[in-house]
Amino acid sequence: MELSTVPYEERLTAPRSWWLITFLVGVAGGIIALPFGTLPLLGGFVVFLLVAAVITSSYGSVRIRVVGDSLIAGDAKIPLSALGTVEILDAEEARAWRMHRADPRAFMLLRSYVPTAVRAEVVDPQDPTPYVYLSTREPEALAKALGGGSAL
């Protein structure tokens, strides 16, 4: 087994605008509780803010890692030996692969707020998955860690 010479780790965190929306959800919770008094206003603000923060944080906590001989993307663990050609996708190509070029059998770890991506062919004949699509802010580094890449 050949180990990856370039370790890679990235966390696809939620954008700042989502945290502003999270705060506004808390404000809305406070406004909803306003007719019941000051204490319910504060309670509504805190409860709504915490619930929205947990949801935003959990969605933005997905990680992509290349460790040893495996790609770990979210909950999936894929051996690097099962991956073939790696393509670096710019914003326009990534959008196309998320939409009209997408194959429903593909493994896709996508975040719409991350414009660039990497697409790696799956060459394992036992696996029906045609490719792996990974949203990433650093496509060149991820492609290098996966064993090379070509820009589109």
Protein backbone atom coordinates (compact mmCIF):
# COMPACT_ATOMS: atom_id res chain seq x y z
CA MET A 1 0.00 0.00 0.00
CA GLU A 2 1.30 3.41 -0.99
CA LEU A 3 0.76 6.19 1.52
CA SER A 4 -0.14 9.69 0.42
CA THR A 5 2.94 11.89 0.53
CA VAL A 6 0.85 15.04 0.85
CA PRO A 7 -1.51 15.05 3.83
CA TYR A 8 -4.52 17.31 3.38
CA GLU A 9 -7.22 18.62 5.69
CA GLU A 10 -9.96 21.15 5.10
CA ARG A 11 -13.12 22.09 6.96
CA LEU A 12 -15.95 23.50 4.87
CA THR A 13 -17.26 26.06 7.36
CA ALA A 14 -20.45 28.02 6.83
CA PRO A 15 -19.94 31.55 5.44
CA ARG A 16 -20.19 34.63 7.64
CA SER A 17 -23.51 35.63 6.11
CA TRP A 18 -25.06 32.45 7.53
CA TRP A 19 -23.96 33.48 11.01
CA LEU A 20 -25.67 36.84 10.49
CA ILE A 21 -28.84 34.97 9.53
CA THR A 22 -28.40 32.82 12.65
CA PHE A 23 -28.32 35.97 14.78
CA LEU A 24 -31.41 37.30 13.01
CA VAL A 25 -33.24 34.04 13.77
CA GLY A 26 -32.46 34.69 17.45
CA VAL A 27 -33.82 38.23 17.14
CA ALA A 28 -36.98 36.85 15.51
CA GLY A 29 -37.39 34.42 18.41
CA GLY A 30 -37.13 37.31 20.83
CA ILE A 31 -39.68 39.35 18.90
CA ILE A 32 -42.09 36.39 18.88
CA ALA A 33 -41.85 36.19 22.69
CA LEU A 34 -42.03 39.99 23.18
CA PRO A 35 -45.79 40.10 24.01
CA PHE A 36 -45.12 37.84 27.01
CA GLY A 37 -42.62 40.19 28.69
CA THR A 38 -38.91 40.90 28.99
CA LEU A 39 -37.81 37.56 30.41
CA PRO A 40 -39.57 35.52 27.69
CA LEU A 41 -38.07 37.93 25.12
CA LEU A 42 -34.57 37.07 26.35
CA GLY A 43 -35.43 33.38 26.59
CA GLY A 44 -36.85 33.32 23.06
CA PHE A 45 -33.77 35.10 21.74
CA VAL A 46 -31.38 32.68 23.45
CA VAL A 47 -33.29 29.51 22.53
CA PHE A 48 -33.78 30.46 18.87
CA LEU A 49 -30.17 31.66 18.62
CA LEU A 50 -28.80 28.42 20.09
CA VAL A 51 -30.92 26.18 17.87
CA ALA A 52 -29.97 28.14 14.75
CA ALA A 53 -26.29 28.15 15.78
CA VAL A 54 -26.27 24.36 16.26
CA ILE A 55 -27.83 23.85 12.83
CA THR A 56 -25.42 26.27 11.13
CA SER A 57 -22.41 24.81 12.90
CA SER A 58 -23.32 21.20 12.15
CA TYR A 59 -23.83 21.91 8.45
CA GLY A 60 -20.53 23.77 8.32
CA SER A 61 -18.51 21.17 10.20
CA VAL A 62 -17.88 18.74 7.34
CA ARG A 63 -14.21 17.92 6.78
CA ILE A 64 -12.21 16.59 3.85
CA ARG A 65 -9.00 14.78 4.75
CA VAL A 66 -6.39 12.75 2.96
CA VAL A 67 -4.68 10.59 5.56
CA GLY A 68 -2.36 7.73 4.72
CA ASP A 69 -3.96 5.79 1.88
CA SER A 70 -7.52 7.09 2.35
CA LEU A 71 -9.70 10.01 1.42
CA ILE A 72 -12.08 10.85 4.25
CA ALA A 73 -14.87 13.14 3.07
CA GLY A 74 -17.63 13.65 5.58
CA ASP A 75 -18.70 10.16 6.67
CA ALA A 76 -17.18 8.42 3.63
CA LYS A 77 -13.79 6.73 3.67
CA ILE A 78 -12.44 5.96 0.20
CA PRO A 79 -9.11 4.25 -0.48
CA LEU A 80 -6.88 6.30 -2.78
CA SER A 81 -6.28 3.17 -4.85
CA ALA A 82 -9.97 3.29 -5.89
CA LEU A 83 -9.58 6.78 -7.37
CA GLY A 84 -8.42 7.46 -10.92
CA THR A 85 -8.15 10.72 -12.82
CA VAL A 86 -8.53 13.85 -10.69
CA GLU A 87 -9.92 17.02 -12.26
CA ILE A 88 -9.78 20.51 -10.79
CA LEU A 89 -13.06 22.31 -11.47
CA ASP A 90 -13.32 26.08 -11.61
CA ALA A 91 -16.55 27.79 -10.50
CA GLU A 92 -18.31 27.39 -13.85
CA GLU A 93 -17.38 23.71 -14.31
CA ALA A 94 -18.19 22.92 -10.69
CA ARG A 95 -21.65 24.42 -11.13
CA ALA A 96 -22.19 22.30 -14.26
CA TRP A 97 -21.16 19.10 -12.41
CA ARG A 98 -23.53 20.00 -9.56
CA MET A 99 -26.43 20.51 -11.94
CA HIS A 100 -26.92 19.17 -15.47
CA ARG A 101 -23.80 16.97 -15.66
CA ALA A 102 -24.38 15.32 -12.27
CA ASP A 103 -24.79 11.55 -12.09
CA PRO A 104 -27.20 10.39 -9.36
CA ARG A 105 -24.87 7.48 -8.54
CA ALA A 106 -21.94 9.79 -7.75
CA PHE A 107 -20.71 10.56 -4.26
CA MET A 108 -21.07 14.30 -3.86
CA LEU A 109 -19.89 16.28 -0.89
CA LEU A 110 -20.99 19.68 -2.03
CA ARG A 111 -21.53 23.02 -0.46
CA SER A 112 -23.13 25.61 -2.73
CA TYR A 113 -21.24 28.43 -1.02
CA VAL A 114 -17.87 26.93 -2.07
CA PRO A 115 -17.44 27.79 -5.76
CA THR A 116 -14.60 25.41 -6.72
CA ALA A 117 -14.38 21.64 -6.58
CA VAL A 118 -12.45 18.50 -7.42
CA ARG A 119 -13.85 15.52 -9.31
CA ALA A 120 -12.10 12.16 -9.07
CA GLU A 121 -13.00 9.10 -11.12
CA VAL A 122 -13.73 5.91 -9.20
CA VAL A 123 -11.87 3.05 -10.92
CA ASP A 124 -12.91 0.22 -8.60
CA PRO A 125 -14.92 -2.22 -10.78
CA GLN A 126 -16.91 -3.40 -7.73
CA ASP A 127 -18.12 0.13 -6.97
CA PRO A 128 -21.06 1.49 -9.00
CA THR A 129 -20.09 5.06 -8.08
CA PRO A 130 -18.74 6.75 -11.26
CA TYR A 131 -16.95 9.63 -9.55
CA VAL A 132 -16.43 11.58 -6.34
CA TYR A 133 -17.29 15.29 -6.35
CA LEU A 134 -15.83 17.35 -3.50
CA SER A 135 -16.41 21.06 -2.94
CA THR A 136 -13.14 22.62 -1.83
CA ARG A 137 -11.65 26.06 -1.37
CA GLU A 138 -8.19 24.67 -2.24
CA PRO A 139 -8.69 22.46 -5.32
CA GLU A 140 -5.02 22.37 -6.35
CA ALA A 141 -3.87 21.19 -2.92
CA LEU A 142 -6.59 18.54 -2.73
CA ALA A 143 -5.86 17.29 -6.25
CA LYS A 144 -2.17 17.05 -5.38
CA ALA A 145 -2.98 15.08 -2.22
CA LEU A 146 -5.20 12.74 -4.23
CA GLY A 147 -2.40 12.01 -6.66
CA GLY A 148 -2.40 14.69 -9.30
CA GLY A 149 -4.90 16.72 -11.19
CA SER A 150 -5.65 18.61 -14.34
CA ALA A 151 -7.27 22.01 -14.47
CA LEU A 152 -10.34 22.53 -16.64
